[in-house]
C-alpha atoms as a PDB file:
ATOM      1  CA  UNK A   1    -214.077 -50.966   3.198  1.00  0.00           C
ATOM      2  CA  UNK A   2    -210.304 -51.470   3.128  1.00  0.00           C
ATOM      3  CA  UNK A   3    -209.554 -54.700   1.275  1.00  0.00           C
ATOM      4  CA  UNK A   4    -206.539 -57.008   1.304  1.00  0.00           C
ATOM      5  CA  UNK A   5    -204.125 -56.608  -1.635  1.00  0.00           C
ATOM      6  CA  UNK A   6    -204.056 -59.644  -3.943  1.00  0.00           C
ATOM      7  CA  UNK A   7    -200.573 -60.918  -4.777  1.00  0.00           C
ATOM      8  CA  UNK A   8    -201.616 -64.083  -6.675  1.00  0.00           C
ATOM      9  CA  UNK A   9    -200.022 -63.743 -10.133  1.00  0.00           C
ATOM     10  CA  UNK A  10    -202.414 -66.321 -11.638  1.00  0.00           C
ATOM     11  CA  UNK A  11    -205.461 -64.296 -10.512  1.00  0.00           C
ATOM     12  CA  UNK A  12    -203.890 -60.985 -11.573  1.00  0.00           C
ATOM     13  CA  UNK A  13    -203.102 -62.457 -15.005  1.00  0.00           C
ATOM     14  CA  UNK A  14    -206.783 -62.940 -15.877  1.00  0.00           C
ATOM     15  CA  UNK A  15    -208.760 -60.388 -17.900  1.00  0.00           C
ATOM     16  CA  UNK A  16    -211.412 -58.435 -16.044  1.00  0.00           C
ATOM     17  CA  UNK A  17    -215.099 -58.360 -16.956  1.00  0.00           C
ATOM     18  CA  UNK A  18    -217.047 -55.178 -17.765  1.00  0.00           C
ATOM     19  CA  UNK A  19    -218.346 -53.244 -14.767  1.00  0.00           C
ATOM     20  CA  UNK A  20    -222.010 -52.349 -14.300  1.00  0.00           C
ATOM     21  CA  UNK A  21    -223.835 -49.852 -12.116  1.00  0.00           C
ATOM     22  CA  UNK A  22    -224.181 -52.622  -9.531  1.00  0.00           C
ATOM     23  CA  UNK A  23    -220.385 -52.508  -9.101  1.00  0.00           C
ATOM     24  CA  UNK A  24    -220.364 -49.031  -7.520  1.00  0.00           C
ATOM     25  CA  UNK A  25    -219.488 -50.487  -4.084  1.00  0.00           C
ATOM     26  CA  UNK A  26    -216.230 -51.764  -5.627  1.00  0.00           C
ATOM     27  CA  UNK A  27    -215.334 -48.155  -6.430  1.00  0.00           C
ATOM     28  CA  UNK A  28    -215.809 -47.239  -2.763  1.00  0.00           C
ATOM     29  CA  UNK A  29    -213.664 -50.189  -1.663  1.00  0.00           C
ATOM     30  CA  UNK A  30    -210.948 -49.029  -4.079  1.00  0.00           C
ATOM     31  CA  UNK A  31    -211.129 -45.520  -2.605  1.00  0.00           C
ATOM     32  CA  UNK A  32    -210.841 -46.844   0.952  1.00  0.00           C
ATOM     33  CA  UNK A  33    -208.025 -49.256   0.079  1.00  0.00           C
ATOM     34  CA  UNK A  34    -206.032 -46.673  -1.893  1.00  0.00           C
ATOM     35  CA  UNK A  35    -206.407 -44.187   0.964  1.00  0.00           C
ATOM     36  CA  UNK A  36    -205.094 -46.824   3.404  1.00  0.00           C
ATOM     37  CA  UNK A  37    -202.059 -47.410   1.138  1.00  0.00           C
ATOM     38  CA  UNK A  38    -201.479 -43.855  -0.094  1.00  0.00           C
ATOM     39  CA  UNK A  39    -197.954 -43.783   1.336  1.00  0.00           C
ATOM     40  CA  UNK A  40    -196.890 -46.418  -1.209  1.00  0.00           C
ATOM     41  CA  UNK A  41    -199.531 -46.476  -3.954  1.00  0.00           C
ATOM     42  CA  UNK A  42    -201.026 -44.000  -6.468  1.00  0.00           C
ATOM     43  CA  UNK A  43    -203.527 -46.214  -8.277  1.00  0.00           C
ATOM     44  CA  UNK A  44    -205.306 -49.550  -8.143  1.00  0.00           C
ATOM     45  CA  UNK A  45    -207.355 -51.874 -10.280  1.00  0.00           C
ATOM     46  CA  UNK A  46    -210.258 -53.903  -8.900  1.00  0.00           C
ATOM     47  CA  UNK A  47    -208.408 -57.185  -9.413  1.00  0.00           C
ATOM     48  CA  UNK A  48    -205.819 -55.974  -6.912  1.00  0.00           C
ATOM     49  CA  UNK A  49    -208.549 -56.289  -4.261  1.00  0.00           C
ATOM     50  CA  UNK A  50    -209.855 -59.608  -5.588  1.00  0.00           C
ATOM     51  CA  UNK A  51    -212.591 -58.423  -7.978  1.00  0.00           C
ATOM     52  CA  UNK A  52    -212.232 -59.084 -11.704  1.00  0.00           C
ATOM     53  CA  UNK A  53    -214.185 -56.060 -12.913  1.00  0.00           C
ATOM     54  CA  UNK A  54    -213.003 -53.241 -15.192  1.00  0.00           C
ATOM     55  CA  UNK A  55    -212.682 -50.585 -12.490  1.00  0.00           C
ATOM     56  CA  UNK A  56    -209.626 -48.531 -11.579  1.00  0.00           C
ATOM     57  CA  UNK A  57    -208.797 -45.672  -9.253  1.00  0.00           C
ATOM     58  CA  UNK A  58    -206.079 -43.137  -9.998  1.00  0.00           C
ATOM     59  CA  UNK A  59    -204.603 -40.347  -7.913  1.00  0.00           C
ATOM     60  CA  UNK A  60    -204.502 -37.277 -10.152  1.00  0.00           C
ATOM     61  CA  UNK A  61    -202.669 -35.105  -7.651  1.00  0.00           C
ATOM     62  CA  UNK A  62    -205.440 -33.385  -5.746  1.00  0.00           C
ATOM     63  CA  UNK A  63    -208.001 -36.195  -5.750  1.00  0.00           C
ATOM     64  CA  UNK A  64    -208.610 -39.856  -6.509  1.00  0.00           C
ATOM     65  CA  UNK A  65    -210.733 -40.645  -9.569  1.00  0.00           C
ATOM     66  CA  UNK A  66    -212.627 -43.913 -10.047  1.00  0.00           C
ATOM     67  CA  UNK A  67    -213.023 -45.004 -13.670  1.00  0.00           C
ATOM     68  CA  UNK A  68    -215.503 -47.691 -14.673  1.00  0.00           C
ATOM     69  CA  UNK A  69    -214.734 -49.554 -17.932  1.00  0.00           C
ATOM     70  CA  UNK A  70    -211.808 -47.322 -18.935  1.00  0.00           C
ATOM     71  CA  UNK A  71    -210.457 -47.631 -22.487  1.00  0.00           C
ATOM     72  CA  UNK A  72    -207.471 -45.825 -23.974  1.00  0.00           C
ATOM     73  CA  UNK A  73    -208.715 -44.425 -27.291  1.00  0.00           C
ATOM     74  CA  UNK A  74    -205.545 -42.550 -28.251  1.00  0.00           C
ATOM     75  CA  UNK A  75    -201.893 -42.633 -27.225  1.00  0.00           C
ATOM     76  CA  UNK A  76    -198.700 -41.044 -28.494  1.00  0.00           C
ATOM     77  CA  UNK A  77    -195.016 -40.461 -27.697  1.00  0.00           C
ATOM     78  CA  UNK A  78    -193.795 -43.768 -26.274  1.00  0.00           C
ATOM     79  CA  UNK A  79    -190.985 -44.009 -23.727  1.00  0.00           C
ATOM     80  CA  UNK A  80    -189.297 -46.656 -21.604  1.00  0.00           C
ATOM     81  CA  UNK A  81    -189.629 -46.601 -17.821  1.00  0.00           C
ATOM     82  CA  UNK A  82    -189.563 -48.818 -14.742  1.00  0.00           C
ATOM     83  CA  UNK A  83    -192.544 -49.369 -12.490  1.00  0.00           C
ATOM     84  CA  UNK A  84    -193.344 -51.062  -9.233  1.00  0.00           C
ATOM     85  CA  UNK A  85    -196.678 -52.433  -8.089  1.00  0.00           C
ATOM     86  CA  UNK A  86    -198.291 -52.954  -4.711  1.00  0.00           C
ATOM     87  CA  UNK A  87    -199.211 -56.492  -5.838  1.00  0.00           C
ATOM     88  CA  UNK A  88    -195.670 -57.418  -6.919  1.00  0.00           C
ATOM     89  CA  UNK A  89    -192.124 -57.282  -5.566  1.00  0.00           C
ATOM     90  CA  UNK A  90    -189.500 -55.089  -7.211  1.00  0.00           C
ATOM     91  CA  UNK A  91    -189.639 -52.974 -10.353  1.00  0.00           C
ATOM     92  CA  UNK A  92    -189.955 -53.940 -14.010  1.00  0.00           C
ATOM     93  CA  UNK A  93    -189.230 -52.258 -17.330  1.00  0.00           C
ATOM     94  CA  UNK A  94    -192.180 -51.294 -19.482  1.00  0.00           C
ATOM     95  CA  UNK A  95    -193.209 -49.038 -22.361  1.00  0.00           C
ATOM     96  CA  UNK A  96    -195.627 -46.203 -21.666  1.00  0.00           C
ATOM     97  CA  UNK A  97    -197.003 -43.258 -23.625  1.00  0.00           C
ATOM     98  CA  UNK A  98    -196.605 -39.620 -22.633  1.00  0.00           C
ATOM     99  CA  UNK A  99    -200.098 -38.611 -23.801  1.00  0.00           C
ATOM    100  CA  UNK A 100    -203.299 -40.644 -23.681  1.00  0.00           C
ATOM    101  CA  UNK A 101    -207.007 -40.100 -24.133  1.00  0.00           C
ATOM    102  CA  UNK A 102    -209.348 -42.268 -22.065  1.00  0.00           C
ATOM    103  CA  UNK A 103    -213.065 -43.006 -22.249  1.00  0.00           C
ATOM    104  CA  UNK A 104    -214.747 -44.247 -19.074  1.00  0.00           C
ATOM    105  CA  UNK A 105    -217.877 -44.016 -16.972  1.00  0.00           C
ATOM    106  CA  UNK A 106    -217.717 -41.899 -13.817  1.00  0.00           C
ATOM    107  CA  UNK A 107    -219.475 -42.476 -10.481  1.00  0.00           C
ATOM    108  CA  UNK A 108    -222.696 -40.959 -11.899  1.00  0.00           C
ATOM    109  CA  UNK A 109    -222.414 -43.444 -14.788  1.00  0.00           C
ATOM    110  CA  UNK A 110    -221.828 -40.588 -17.237  1.00  0.00           C
ATOM    111  CA  UNK A 111    -219.465 -41.280 -20.102  1.00  0.00           C
ATOM    112  CA  UNK A 112    -216.301 -39.203 -19.909  1.00  0.00           C
ATOM    113  CA  UNK A 113    -213.522 -38.672 -22.449  1.00  0.00           C
ATOM    114  CA  UNK A 114    -210.422 -37.002 -21.055  1.00  0.00           C
ATOM    115  CA  UNK A 115    -206.814 -36.418 -21.978  1.00  0.00           C
ATOM    116  CA  UNK A 116    -203.974 -37.128 -19.554  1.00  0.00           C
ATOM    117  CA  UNK A 117    -200.231 -36.752 -19.806  1.00  0.00           C
ATOM    118  CA  UNK A 118    -197.068 -37.447 -17.856  1.00  0.00           C
ATOM    119  CA  UNK A 119    -197.242 -39.193 -14.496  1.00  0.00           C
ATOM    120  CA  UNK A 120    -201.055 -39.409 -14.426  1.00  0.00           C
ATOM    121  CA  UNK A 121    -201.106 -40.997 -17.894  1.00  0.00           C
ATOM    122  CA  UNK A 122    -198.509 -43.520 -16.743  1.00  0.00           C
ATOM    123  CA  UNK A 123    -200.582 -44.526 -13.706  1.00  0.00           C
ATOM    124  CA  UNK A 124    -203.722 -44.962 -15.832  1.00  0.00           C
ATOM    125  CA  UNK A 125    -201.852 -47.148 -18.330  1.00  0.00           C
ATOM    126  CA  UNK A 126    -200.487 -49.324 -15.507  1.00  0.00           C
ATOM    127  CA  UNK A 127    -203.951 -49.834 -14.009  1.00  0.00           C
ATOM    128  CA  UNK A 128    -205.597 -50.556 -17.369  1.00  0.00           C
ATOM    129  CA  UNK A 129    -202.884 -53.168 -17.973  1.00  0.00           C
ATOM    130  CA  UNK A 130    -204.118 -54.843 -14.767  1.00  0.00           C
ATOM    131  CA  UNK A 131    -207.620 -55.034 -16.272  1.00  0.00           C
ATOM    132  CA  UNK A 132    -206.188 -56.805 -19.313  1.00  0.00           C
ATOM    133  CA  UNK A 133    -204.318 -59.313 -17.145  1.00  0.00           C
ATOM    134  CA  UNK A 134    -200.974 -57.762 -18.141  1.00  0.00           C
ATOM    135  CA  UNK A 135    -198.428 -58.002 -15.357  1.00  0.00           C
ATOM    136  CA  UNK A 136    -195.490 -55.705 -15.833  1.00  0.00           C
END
């Protein structure tokens, strides 16, 4: 179901709780909501649709990937950039890393460990920041 985008900075500034298998419907809502906003958005965190669970969705070019309980386990090659957010007005400066490695559970609740770089890595870092209550 397409959900309304949360713009409440107080809510977005709170840390998210671990996701469980019972949170799979949140992943579907993220897919529906990202699809409805694909002209202006490439990733979302569950708190952006009002749910404080550690779930994100990221467009990796040819498909959208839902990650449950994602954790960056390695990062290298920092750089400065500016980012916008569907939940916020304008753009802000931030530090990102060119290469990251992420552990997460997929939709079958299988643990994954994958490496990402460039634009996809930047999106994942932005969405994981949301889970930590970090507002760029």
